[in-house]
Amino acid sequence: MELKAQILNETDISRVLKRIAHQIIEKNRGTRDLCLIGIKSRGVPLAQRLKENIFEIDGNEVEVGILDITHYRDDREKISDDTPILTDTKVDFDIKGKTVVLVDDVIFTGRTARAALDAVLDLGRPSKIQLCVLIDRGHSELPIKANFVGKNIPTSLDEAVAVRLGEYDGENSVAIYTK
């Protein structure tokens, strides 16, 4: 793959996440009954960063969970009934009646978000589910739209968006590559 454009650097990502934290607080009229659930893998550190930003702005700690949607994907082979389902989901709090903000790095076709909705509903019945993404690159195949978007980046199907986060990649950046 060849680098086409550098979209966000570390400073840009920090600024975008601070803005999204303000939007989450504003839309939900505070942080009461609010929790963040990061979709593995890059949604997890983004959710943690949002938690820190929300605390800096509002002074309240929100709970953060980890959601592994591997077995909820509709584009994976069906798992037989006798196959044990191993998951790295870690939500150590009750989501019943809460506003759950699902956090991911990129929304593309919407299939990850759809799988995340199924996974969350298996955990309980929240009052609301909202979706937060760092990048919306278009091309949705499902009627799913993020409530909070860091940056809209129109892309072609011949391009890939690479989100790099320090927790996984040693740097913070967003770039477009041609395939």
N, C-alpha and C. Protein backbone atom coordinates (compact mmCIF):
# COMPACT_ATOMS: atom_id res chain seq x y z
N MET A 1 0.84 -1.19 0.00
CA MET A 1 0.00 0.00 0.00
C MET A 1 0.89 1.25 0.00
N GLU A 2 0.39 2.25 -0.66
CA GLU A 2 1.13 3.50 -0.80
C GLU A 2 0.40 4.62 -0.07
N LEU A 3 1.15 5.41 0.72
CA LEU A 3 0.58 6.53 1.45
C LEU A 3 0.02 7.56 0.47
N LYS A 4 -1.27 7.89 0.64
CA LYS A 4 -1.90 8.90 -0.21
C LYS A 4 -1.96 10.24 0.52
N ALA A 5 -2.36 10.20 1.80
CA ALA A 5 -2.48 11.45 2.55
C ALA A 5 -2.44 11.19 4.05
N GLN A 6 -1.75 12.05 4.76
CA GLN A 6 -1.77 12.03 6.22
C GLN A 6 -2.95 12.91 6.63
N ILE A 7 -3.89 12.37 7.39
CA ILE A 7 -5.12 13.08 7.71
C ILE A 7 -5.06 13.74 9.09
N LEU A 8 -4.66 12.98 10.10
CA LEU A 8 -4.59 13.50 11.46
C LEU A 8 -3.25 13.11 12.08
N ASN A 9 -2.71 14.03 12.88
CA ASN A 9 -1.52 13.70 13.67
C ASN A 9 -1.94 13.59 15.14
N GLU A 10 -0.97 13.43 16.01
CA GLU A 10 -1.27 13.23 17.44
C GLU A 10 -2.06 14.40 18.03
N THR A 11 -1.65 15.62 17.71
CA THR A 11 -2.34 16.81 18.21
C THR A 11 -3.78 16.87 17.70
N ASP A 12 -3.96 16.55 16.42
CA ASP A 12 -5.31 16.55 15.82
C ASP A 12 -6.21 15.54 16.51
N ILE A 13 -5.69 14.34 16.75
CA ILE A 13 -6.48 13.28 17.40
C ILE A 13 -6.89 13.72 18.79
N SER A 14 -5.97 14.30 19.54
CA SER A 14 -6.29 14.79 20.89
C SER A 14 -7.38 15.83 20.85
N ARG A 15 -7.28 16.77 19.92
CA ARG A 15 -8.27 17.84 19.78
C ARG A 15 -9.64 17.25 19.41
N VAL A 16 -9.66 16.31 18.48
CA VAL A 16 -10.91 15.69 18.05
C VAL A 16 -11.57 14.95 19.21
N LEU A 17 -10.79 14.21 19.99
CA LEU A 17 -11.36 13.46 21.11
C LEU A 17 -11.88 14.39 22.21
N LYS A 18 -11.24 15.51 22.40
CA LYS A 18 -11.72 16.50 23.37
C LYS A 18 -13.07 17.06 22.90
N ARG A 19 -13.18 17.36 21.61
CA ARG A 19 -14.44 17.87 21.04
C ARG A 19 -15.56 16.83 21.18
N ILE A 20 -15.23 15.57 20.87
CA ILE A 20 -16.24 14.52 20.98
C ILE A 20 -16.69 14.36 22.44
N ALA A 21 -15.77 14.46 23.38
CA ALA A 21 -16.13 14.36 24.80
C ALA A 21 -17.13 15.45 25.17
N HIS A 22 -16.89 16.67 24.70
CA HIS A 22 -17.84 17.77 24.93
C HIS A 22 -19.20 17.44 24.31
N GLN A 23 -19.21 16.90 23.10
CA GLN A 23 -20.46 16.57 22.42
C GLN A 23 -21.23 15.48 23.16
N ILE A 24 -20.51 14.47 23.66
CA ILE A 24 -21.16 13.39 24.41
C ILE A 24 -21.84 13.95 25.66
N ILE A 25 -21.12 14.79 26.39
CA ILE A 25 -21.67 15.39 27.60
C ILE A 25 -22.88 16.25 27.26
N GLU A 26 -22.77 17.07 26.22
CA GLU A 26 -23.86 17.96 25.83
C GLU A 26 -25.09 17.19 25.39
N LYS A 27 -24.90 16.23 24.50
CA LYS A 27 -26.04 15.47 23.97
C LYS A 27 -26.78 14.70 25.08
N ASN A 28 -26.03 14.23 26.07
CA ASN A 28 -26.62 13.42 27.14
C ASN A 28 -26.91 14.23 28.40
N ARG A 29 -26.77 15.55 28.29
CA ARG A 29 -27.04 16.46 29.42
C ARG A 29 -26.29 16.03 30.67
N GLY A 30 -25.01 15.75 30.48
CA GLY A 30 -24.16 15.33 31.59
C GLY A 30 -23.73 13.89 31.44
N THR A 31 -23.28 13.32 32.54
CA THR A 31 -22.73 11.95 32.49
C THR A 31 -23.51 10.95 33.34
N ARG A 32 -24.65 11.37 33.85
CA ARG A 32 -25.45 10.47 34.67
C ARG A 32 -25.87 9.25 33.84
N ASP A 33 -25.63 8.06 34.38
CA ASP A 33 -25.99 6.79 33.73
C ASP A 33 -25.33 6.62 32.36
N LEU A 34 -24.16 7.21 32.18
CA LEU A 34 -23.42 7.11 30.93
C LEU A 34 -22.26 6.14 31.10
N CYS A 35 -22.04 5.31 30.10
CA CYS A 35 -20.85 4.45 30.09
C CYS A 35 -20.32 4.37 28.67
N LEU A 36 -19.04 4.07 28.56
CA LEU A 36 -18.38 3.92 27.27
C LEU A 36 -17.96 2.47 27.11
N ILE A 37 -18.16 1.93 25.92
CA ILE A 37 -17.70 0.57 25.64
C ILE A 37 -16.91 0.61 24.35
N GLY A 38 -15.61 0.32 24.46
CA GLY A 38 -14.73 0.32 23.31
C GLY A 38 -14.80 -1.00 22.57
N ILE A 39 -14.92 -0.92 21.25
CA ILE A 39 -14.94 -2.11 20.41
C ILE A 39 -13.49 -2.48 20.12
N LYS A 40 -13.15 -3.75 20.43
CA LYS A 40 -11.77 -4.18 20.20
C LYS A 40 -11.42 -4.04 18.74
N SER A 41 -10.25 -3.57 18.43
CA SER A 41 -9.21 -3.32 19.39
C SER A 41 -8.94 -1.82 19.55
N ARG A 42 -8.94 -1.04 18.51
CA ARG A 42 -8.60 0.37 18.67
C ARG A 42 -9.70 1.22 19.29
N GLY A 43 -10.91 0.71 19.38
CA GLY A 43 -11.96 1.43 20.09
C GLY A 43 -11.73 1.47 21.58
N VAL A 44 -10.97 0.50 22.09
CA VAL A 44 -10.72 0.43 23.54
C VAL A 44 -9.87 1.60 24.03
N PRO A 45 -8.69 1.86 23.44
CA PRO A 45 -7.94 3.03 23.92
C PRO A 45 -8.64 4.35 23.63
N LEU A 46 -9.41 4.40 22.55
CA LEU A 46 -10.17 5.62 22.27
C LEU A 46 -11.22 5.86 23.37
N ALA A 47 -11.90 4.80 23.81
CA ALA A 47 -12.87 4.93 24.90
C ALA A 47 -12.18 5.39 26.18
N GLN A 48 -11.00 4.86 26.45
CA GLN A 48 -10.26 5.26 27.64
C GLN A 48 -9.87 6.74 27.57
N ARG A 49 -9.43 7.18 26.41
CA ARG A 49 -9.07 8.59 26.23
C ARG A 49 -10.30 9.49 26.39
N LEU A 50 -11.44 9.05 25.86
CA LEU A 50 -12.68 9.81 26.03
C LEU A 50 -13.06 9.90 27.51
N LYS A 51 -12.89 8.79 28.22
CA LYS A 51 -13.18 8.78 29.67
C LYS A 51 -12.34 9.85 30.37
N GLU A 52 -11.06 9.92 30.04
CA GLU A 52 -10.18 10.91 30.66
C GLU A 52 -10.60 12.33 30.30
N ASN A 53 -10.96 12.54 29.03
CA ASN A 53 -11.43 13.87 28.61
C ASN A 53 -12.73 14.25 29.31
N ILE A 54 -13.65 13.32 29.43
CA ILE A 54 -14.91 13.58 30.11
C ILE A 54 -14.66 13.95 31.56
N PHE A 55 -13.74 13.25 32.21
CA PHE A 55 -13.41 13.57 33.60
C PHE A 55 -12.83 14.99 33.71
N GLU A 56 -11.95 15.36 32.79
CA GLU A 56 -11.35 16.70 32.81
C GLU A 56 -12.41 17.79 32.62
N ILE A 57 -13.40 17.51 31.78
CA ILE A 57 -14.44 18.50 31.47
C ILE A 57 -15.51 18.55 32.56
N ASP A 58 -15.99 17.37 32.95
CA ASP A 58 -17.18 17.26 33.79
C ASP A 58 -16.87 16.94 35.25
N GLY A 59 -15.69 16.36 35.50
CA GLY A 59 -15.33 15.99 36.87
C GLY A 59 -15.94 14.68 37.32
N ASN A 60 -16.62 13.97 36.42
CA ASN A 60 -17.22 12.68 36.77
C ASN A 60 -16.53 11.55 36.01
N GLU A 61 -16.36 10.44 36.71
CA GLU A 61 -15.78 9.25 36.08
C GLU A 61 -16.91 8.44 35.45
N VAL A 62 -16.71 8.04 34.21
CA VAL A 62 -17.66 7.12 33.58
C VAL A 62 -17.00 5.76 33.47
N GLU A 63 -17.82 4.73 33.52
CA GLU A 63 -17.31 3.38 33.41
C GLU A 63 -16.95 3.08 31.96
N VAL A 64 -15.92 2.24 31.79
CA VAL A 64 -15.47 1.85 30.45
C VAL A 64 -15.40 0.33 30.39
N GLY A 65 -15.94 -0.22 29.31
CA GLY A 65 -15.88 -1.65 29.08
C GLY A 65 -15.20 -1.95 27.75
N ILE A 66 -14.94 -3.23 27.55
CA ILE A 66 -14.30 -3.72 26.33
C ILE A 66 -15.25 -4.70 25.66
N LEU A 67 -15.46 -4.53 24.37
CA LEU A 67 -16.38 -5.39 23.63
C LEU A 67 -15.66 -6.09 22.49
N ASP A 68 -15.69 -7.42 22.52
CA ASP A 68 -15.13 -8.25 21.45
C ASP A 68 -16.31 -8.75 20.61
N ILE A 69 -16.38 -8.31 19.36
CA ILE A 69 -17.55 -8.63 18.52
C ILE A 69 -17.25 -9.75 17.53
N THR A 70 -16.12 -10.43 17.70
CA THR A 70 -15.68 -11.45 16.75
C THR A 70 -16.79 -12.43 16.39
N HIS A 71 -17.47 -12.97 17.39
CA HIS A 71 -18.47 -14.00 17.13
C HIS A 71 -19.84 -13.46 16.74
N TYR A 72 -19.94 -12.14 16.62
CA TYR A 72 -21.18 -11.51 16.21
C TYR A 72 -21.15 -11.04 14.76
N ARG A 73 -19.99 -11.16 14.13
CA ARG A 73 -19.85 -10.68 12.75
C ARG A 73 -20.70 -11.53 11.82
N ASP A 74 -21.41 -10.88 10.89
CA ASP A 74 -22.21 -11.63 9.92
C ASP A 74 -21.39 -12.05 8.71
N ASP A 75 -20.13 -11.64 8.67
CA ASP A 75 -19.29 -12.02 7.55
C ASP A 75 -18.25 -13.08 7.93
N ARG A 76 -18.49 -13.75 9.04
CA ARG A 76 -17.63 -14.86 9.47
C ARG A 76 -18.42 -16.16 9.32
N GLU A 77 -17.69 -17.25 9.23
CA GLU A 77 -18.37 -18.53 9.14
C GLU A 77 -19.16 -18.78 10.42
N LYS A 78 -20.30 -19.41 10.26
CA LYS A 78 -21.13 -19.72 11.41
C LYS A 78 -20.43 -20.71 12.33
N ILE A 79 -20.50 -20.44 13.62
CA ILE A 79 -19.87 -21.30 14.63
C ILE A 79 -20.86 -22.39 14.98
N SER A 80 -20.40 -23.62 15.05
CA SER A 80 -21.30 -24.72 15.41
C SER A 80 -21.69 -24.61 16.88
N ASP A 81 -22.81 -25.23 17.22
CA ASP A 81 -23.36 -25.11 18.58
C ASP A 81 -22.44 -25.68 19.65
N ASP A 82 -21.57 -26.64 19.29
CA ASP A 82 -20.72 -27.25 20.31
C ASP A 82 -19.34 -26.60 20.41
N THR A 83 -19.11 -25.54 19.63
CA THR A 83 -17.84 -24.83 19.71
C THR A 83 -17.90 -23.83 20.86
N PRO A 84 -16.95 -23.91 21.81
CA PRO A 84 -16.97 -22.93 22.90
C PRO A 84 -16.65 -21.54 22.36
N ILE A 85 -17.39 -20.56 22.83
CA ILE A 85 -17.16 -19.19 22.39
C ILE A 85 -16.26 -18.51 23.42
N LEU A 86 -15.05 -18.20 23.00
CA LEU A 86 -14.11 -17.49 23.85
C LEU A 86 -14.19 -16.02 23.47
N THR A 87 -14.26 -15.17 24.44
CA THR A 87 -14.41 -13.75 24.16
C THR A 87 -13.54 -12.93 25.09
N ASP A 88 -13.10 -11.81 24.59
CA ASP A 88 -12.33 -10.88 25.39
C ASP A 88 -13.19 -9.71 25.83
N THR A 89 -14.51 -9.89 25.81
CA THR A 89 -15.41 -8.85 26.29
C THR A 89 -15.24 -8.72 27.79
N LYS A 90 -15.14 -7.47 28.25
CA LYS A 90 -15.01 -7.22 29.69
C LYS A 90 -15.84 -5.99 30.02
N VAL A 91 -17.06 -6.23 30.46
CA VAL A 91 -17.95 -5.16 30.90
C VAL A 91 -18.35 -5.54 32.32
N ASP A 92 -17.65 -4.94 33.30
CA ASP A 92 -17.82 -5.30 34.71
C ASP A 92 -18.88 -4.45 35.41
N PHE A 93 -19.86 -3.98 34.67
CA PHE A 93 -20.91 -3.16 35.25
C PHE A 93 -22.20 -3.48 34.52
N ASP A 94 -23.31 -3.19 35.19
CA ASP A 94 -24.63 -3.44 34.61
C ASP A 94 -24.98 -2.30 33.65
N ILE A 95 -25.35 -2.65 32.43
CA ILE A 95 -25.71 -1.62 31.45
C ILE A 95 -27.21 -1.34 31.42
N LYS A 96 -27.97 -2.09 32.20
CA LYS A 96 -29.42 -1.91 32.22
C LYS A 96 -29.78 -0.47 32.57
N GLY A 97 -30.56 0.16 31.70
CA GLY A 97 -31.03 1.51 31.93
C GLY A 97 -30.00 2.60 31.67
N LYS A 98 -28.81 2.25 31.23
CA LYS A 98 -27.76 3.25 31.00
C LYS A 98 -27.74 3.69 29.54
N THR A 99 -27.05 4.80 29.32
CA THR A 99 -26.73 5.23 27.97
C THR A 99 -25.36 4.66 27.65
N VAL A 100 -25.31 3.77 26.68
CA VAL A 100 -24.06 3.13 26.27
C VAL A 100 -23.55 3.83 25.03
N VAL A 101 -22.31 4.32 25.10
CA VAL A 101 -21.67 4.90 23.93
C VAL A 101 -20.65 3.88 23.44
N LEU A 102 -20.94 3.29 22.29
CA LEU A 102 -20.00 2.37 21.66
C LEU A 102 -18.93 3.20 20.96
N VAL A 103 -17.66 2.84 21.13
CA VAL A 103 -16.56 3.61 20.58
C VAL A 103 -15.74 2.73 19.65
N ASP A 104 -15.49 3.22 18.43
CA ASP A 104 -14.66 2.51 17.47
C ASP A 104 -13.79 3.50 16.72
N ASP A 105 -12.80 2.97 16.02
CA ASP A 105 -11.89 3.87 15.30
C ASP A 105 -12.47 4.32 13.97
N VAL A 106 -13.00 3.39 13.17
CA VAL A 106 -13.49 3.71 11.82
C VAL A 106 -14.83 3.04 11.59
N ILE A 107 -15.75 3.77 10.98
CA ILE A 107 -16.97 3.13 10.47
C ILE A 107 -16.84 3.13 8.95
N PHE A 108 -17.06 1.94 8.39
CA PHE A 108 -16.91 1.74 6.95
C PHE A 108 -18.23 1.20 6.41
N THR A 109 -18.44 -0.09 6.49
CA THR A 109 -19.67 -0.69 5.97
C THR A 109 -20.81 -0.66 6.98
N GLY A 110 -20.48 -0.51 8.26
CA GLY A 110 -21.49 -0.54 9.32
C GLY A 110 -21.64 -1.91 9.95
N ARG A 111 -20.96 -2.91 9.41
CA ARG A 111 -21.12 -4.29 9.91
C ARG A 111 -20.52 -4.48 11.30
N THR A 112 -19.44 -3.82 11.60
CA THR A 112 -18.88 -3.90 12.95
C THR A 112 -19.85 -3.28 13.95
N ALA A 113 -20.42 -2.14 13.61
CA ALA A 113 -21.38 -1.48 14.50
C ALA A 113 -22.61 -2.36 14.72
N ARG A 114 -23.09 -3.01 13.65
CA ARG A 114 -24.24 -3.91 13.79
C ARG A 114 -23.91 -5.07 14.71
N ALA A 115 -22.73 -5.64 14.56
CA ALA A 115 -22.31 -6.74 15.43
C ALA A 115 -22.19 -6.26 16.88
N ALA A 116 -21.69 -5.05 17.06
CA ALA A 116 -21.55 -4.49 18.41
C ALA A 116 -22.92 -4.29 19.06
N LEU A 117 -23.90 -3.86 18.28
CA LEU A 117 -25.26 -3.71 18.82
C LEU A 117 -25.79 -5.04 19.34
N ASP A 118 -25.61 -6.11 18.55
CA ASP A 118 -26.04 -7.44 18.98
C ASP A 118 -25.32 -7.85 20.26
N ALA A 119 -24.02 -7.62 20.32
CA ALA A 119 -23.24 -8.01 21.49
C ALA A 119 -23.67 -7.25 22.73
N VAL A 120 -23.92 -5.95 22.60
CA VAL A 120 -24.36 -5.15 23.75
C VAL A 120 -25.71 -5.62 24.24
N LEU A 121 -26.63 -5.89 23.33
CA LEU A 121 -27.96 -6.33 23.74
C LEU A 121 -27.93 -7.68 24.44
N ASP A 122 -26.92 -8.49 24.16
CA ASP A 122 -26.74 -9.75 24.90
C ASP A 122 -26.27 -9.49 26.33
N LEU A 123 -25.70 -8.32 26.59
CA LEU A 123 -25.23 -7.97 27.93
C LEU A 123 -26.33 -7.40 28.81
N GLY A 124 -27.38 -6.88 28.20
CA GLY A 124 -28.46 -6.26 28.97
C GLY A 124 -29.24 -5.30 28.11
N ARG A 125 -30.13 -4.58 28.76
CA ARG A 125 -31.03 -3.67 28.05
C ARG A 125 -30.72 -2.22 28.46
N PRO A 126 -29.84 -1.54 27.70
CA PRO A 126 -29.57 -0.14 28.01
C PRO A 126 -30.76 0.73 27.61
N SER A 127 -30.83 1.95 28.16
CA SER A 127 -31.90 2.85 27.75
C SER A 127 -31.62 3.43 26.37
N LYS A 128 -30.33 3.67 26.05
CA LYS A 128 -29.93 4.20 24.75
C LYS A 128 -28.58 3.59 24.37
N ILE A 129 -28.38 3.46 23.08
CA ILE A 129 -27.07 3.09 22.56
C ILE A 129 -26.69 4.14 21.53
N GLN A 130 -25.52 4.72 21.69
CA GLN A 130 -25.00 5.71 20.75
C GLN A 130 -23.68 5.18 20.19
N LEU A 131 -23.33 5.66 19.02
CA LEU A 131 -22.10 5.23 18.36
C LEU A 131 -21.17 6.41 18.17
N CYS A 132 -19.92 6.21 18.55
CA CYS A 132 -18.89 7.24 18.42
C CYS A 132 -17.73 6.64 17.63
N VAL A 133 -17.31 7.33 16.58
CA VAL A 133 -16.18 6.87 15.78
C VAL A 133 -15.21 8.02 15.54
N LEU A 134 -13.95 7.68 15.48
CA LEU A 134 -12.94 8.68 15.16
C LEU A 134 -13.06 9.10 13.70
N ILE A 135 -13.26 8.11 12.80
CA ILE A 135 -13.31 8.36 11.36
C ILE A 135 -14.55 7.71 10.76
N ASP A 136 -15.28 8.47 9.95
CA ASP A 136 -16.36 7.92 9.13
C ASP A 136 -15.90 8.04 7.69
N ARG A 137 -15.67 6.89 7.05
CA ARG A 137 -15.14 6.92 5.68
C ARG A 137 -16.20 6.68 4.62
N GLY A 138 -17.46 6.57 5.03
CA GLY A 138 -18.52 6.37 4.06
C GLY A 138 -18.66 4.91 3.66
N HIS A 139 -19.45 4.63 2.65
CA HIS A 139 -19.66 3.29 2.10
C HIS A 139 -20.52 2.39 2.98
N SER A 140 -21.40 2.95 3.79
CA SER A 140 -22.23 2.13 4.65
C SER A 140 -23.10 1.19 3.84
N GLU A 141 -23.19 -0.05 4.29
CA GLU A 141 -24.05 -1.06 3.67
C GLU A 141 -25.31 -1.29 4.48
N LEU A 142 -25.38 -0.66 5.64
CA LEU A 142 -26.50 -0.84 6.55
C LEU A 142 -27.00 0.54 6.99
N PRO A 143 -28.25 0.63 7.44
CA PRO A 143 -28.77 1.92 7.88
C PRO A 143 -28.28 2.28 9.29
N ILE A 144 -26.97 2.42 9.42
CA ILE A 144 -26.33 2.73 10.70
C ILE A 144 -25.49 3.98 10.50
N LYS A 145 -25.65 4.94 11.41
CA LYS A 145 -24.91 6.19 11.35
C LYS A 145 -24.38 6.51 12.74
N ALA A 146 -23.15 6.98 12.81
CA ALA A 146 -22.56 7.34 14.10
C ALA A 146 -23.19 8.63 14.64
N ASN A 147 -23.40 8.67 15.96
CA ASN A 147 -23.89 9.87 16.64
C ASN A 147 -22.79 10.91 16.80
N PHE A 148 -21.56 10.42 16.99
CA PHE A 148 -20.41 11.30 17.21
C PHE A 148 -19.31 10.88 16.24
N VAL A 149 -18.85 11.82 15.42
CA VAL A 149 -17.83 11.53 14.41
C VAL A 149 -16.70 12.53 14.58
N GLY A 150 -15.48 12.02 14.67
CA GLY A 150 -14.32 12.89 14.76
C GLY A 150 -14.05 13.59 13.45
N LYS A 151 -14.02 12.81 12.36
CA LYS A 151 -13.75 13.38 11.04
C LYS A 151 -14.38 12.50 9.97
N ASN A 152 -15.07 13.13 9.03
CA ASN A 152 -15.59 12.44 7.85
C ASN A 152 -14.52 12.48 6.79
N ILE A 153 -14.15 11.31 6.28
CA ILE A 153 -13.13 11.22 5.24
C ILE A 153 -13.71 10.42 4.08
N PRO A 154 -14.22 11.11 3.05
CA PRO A 154 -14.73 10.37 1.89
C PRO A 154 -13.57 9.60 1.23
N THR A 155 -13.79 8.33 1.01
CA THR A 155 -12.75 7.48 0.42
C THR A 155 -13.33 6.69 -0.73
N SER A 156 -12.45 6.17 -1.55
CA SER A 156 -12.88 5.23 -2.59
C SER A 156 -12.68 3.82 -2.04
N LEU A 157 -13.26 2.85 -2.72
CA LEU A 157 -13.09 1.46 -2.30
C LEU A 157 -11.67 0.96 -2.55
N ASP A 158 -10.89 1.71 -3.31
CA ASP A 158 -9.50 1.35 -3.57
C ASP A 158 -8.55 1.94 -2.53
N GLU A 159 -9.12 2.54 -1.49
CA GLU A 159 -8.30 3.15 -0.46
C GLU A 159 -8.55 2.47 0.88
N ALA A 160 -7.58 2.59 1.76
CA ALA A 160 -7.69 2.07 3.13
C ALA A 160 -7.37 3.20 4.09
N VAL A 161 -8.07 3.23 5.21
CA VAL A 161 -7.80 4.22 6.26
C VAL A 161 -7.07 3.48 7.38
N ALA A 162 -5.91 3.99 7.74
CA ALA A 162 -5.12 3.39 8.81
C ALA A 162 -5.11 4.31 10.02
N VAL A 163 -5.70 3.82 11.11
CA VAL A 163 -5.66 4.55 12.38
C VAL A 163 -4.57 3.90 13.21
N ARG A 164 -3.61 4.70 13.61
CA ARG A 164 -2.53 4.20 14.46
C ARG A 164 -2.65 4.90 15.81
N LEU A 165 -2.62 4.09 16.86
CA LEU A 165 -2.71 4.62 18.21
C LEU A 165 -1.50 4.16 19.01
N GLY A 166 -1.01 5.04 19.86
CA GLY A 166 0.19 4.77 20.63
C GLY A 166 0.12 3.47 21.42
N GLU A 167 -1.05 3.12 21.92
CA GLU A 167 -1.21 1.91 22.74
C GLU A 167 -0.92 0.64 21.94
N TYR A 168 -1.11 0.68 20.64
CA TYR A 168 -0.88 -0.50 19.79
C TYR A 168 0.27 -0.31 18.81
N ASP A 169 0.42 0.90 18.31
CA ASP A 169 1.32 1.13 17.18
C ASP A 169 2.52 2.02 17.50
N GLY A 170 2.58 2.56 18.70
CA GLY A 170 3.68 3.42 19.07
C GLY A 170 3.60 4.84 18.54
N GLU A 171 2.54 5.16 17.82
CA GLU A 171 2.33 6.52 17.30
C GLU A 171 0.84 6.77 17.18
N ASN A 172 0.47 8.04 17.05
CA ASN A 172 -0.92 8.44 16.89
C ASN A 172 -1.07 9.17 15.58
N SER A 173 -1.80 8.54 14.65
CA SER A 173 -2.00 9.17 13.34
C SER A 173 -3.14 8.49 12.61
N VAL A 174 -3.65 9.20 11.61
CA VAL A 174 -4.65 8.65 10.69
C VAL A 174 -4.18 9.01 9.30
N ALA A 175 -4.14 7.99 8.43
CA ALA A 175 -3.68 8.21 7.07
C ALA A 175 -4.53 7.41 6.10
N ILE A 176 -4.54 7.86 4.84
CA ILE A 176 -5.20 7.13 3.76
C ILE A 176 -4.11 6.52 2.89
N TYR A 177 -4.32 5.25 2.56
CA TYR A 177 -3.41 4.52 1.69
C TYR A 177 -4.16 4.04 0.46
N THR A 178 -3.49 3.99 -0.68
CA THR A 178 -4.08 3.36 -1.85
C THR A 178 -3.68 1.89 -1.83
N LYS A 179 -4.64 1.05 -2.17
CA LYS A 179 -4.39 -0.40 -2.14
C LYS A 179 -3.58 -0.83 -3.35
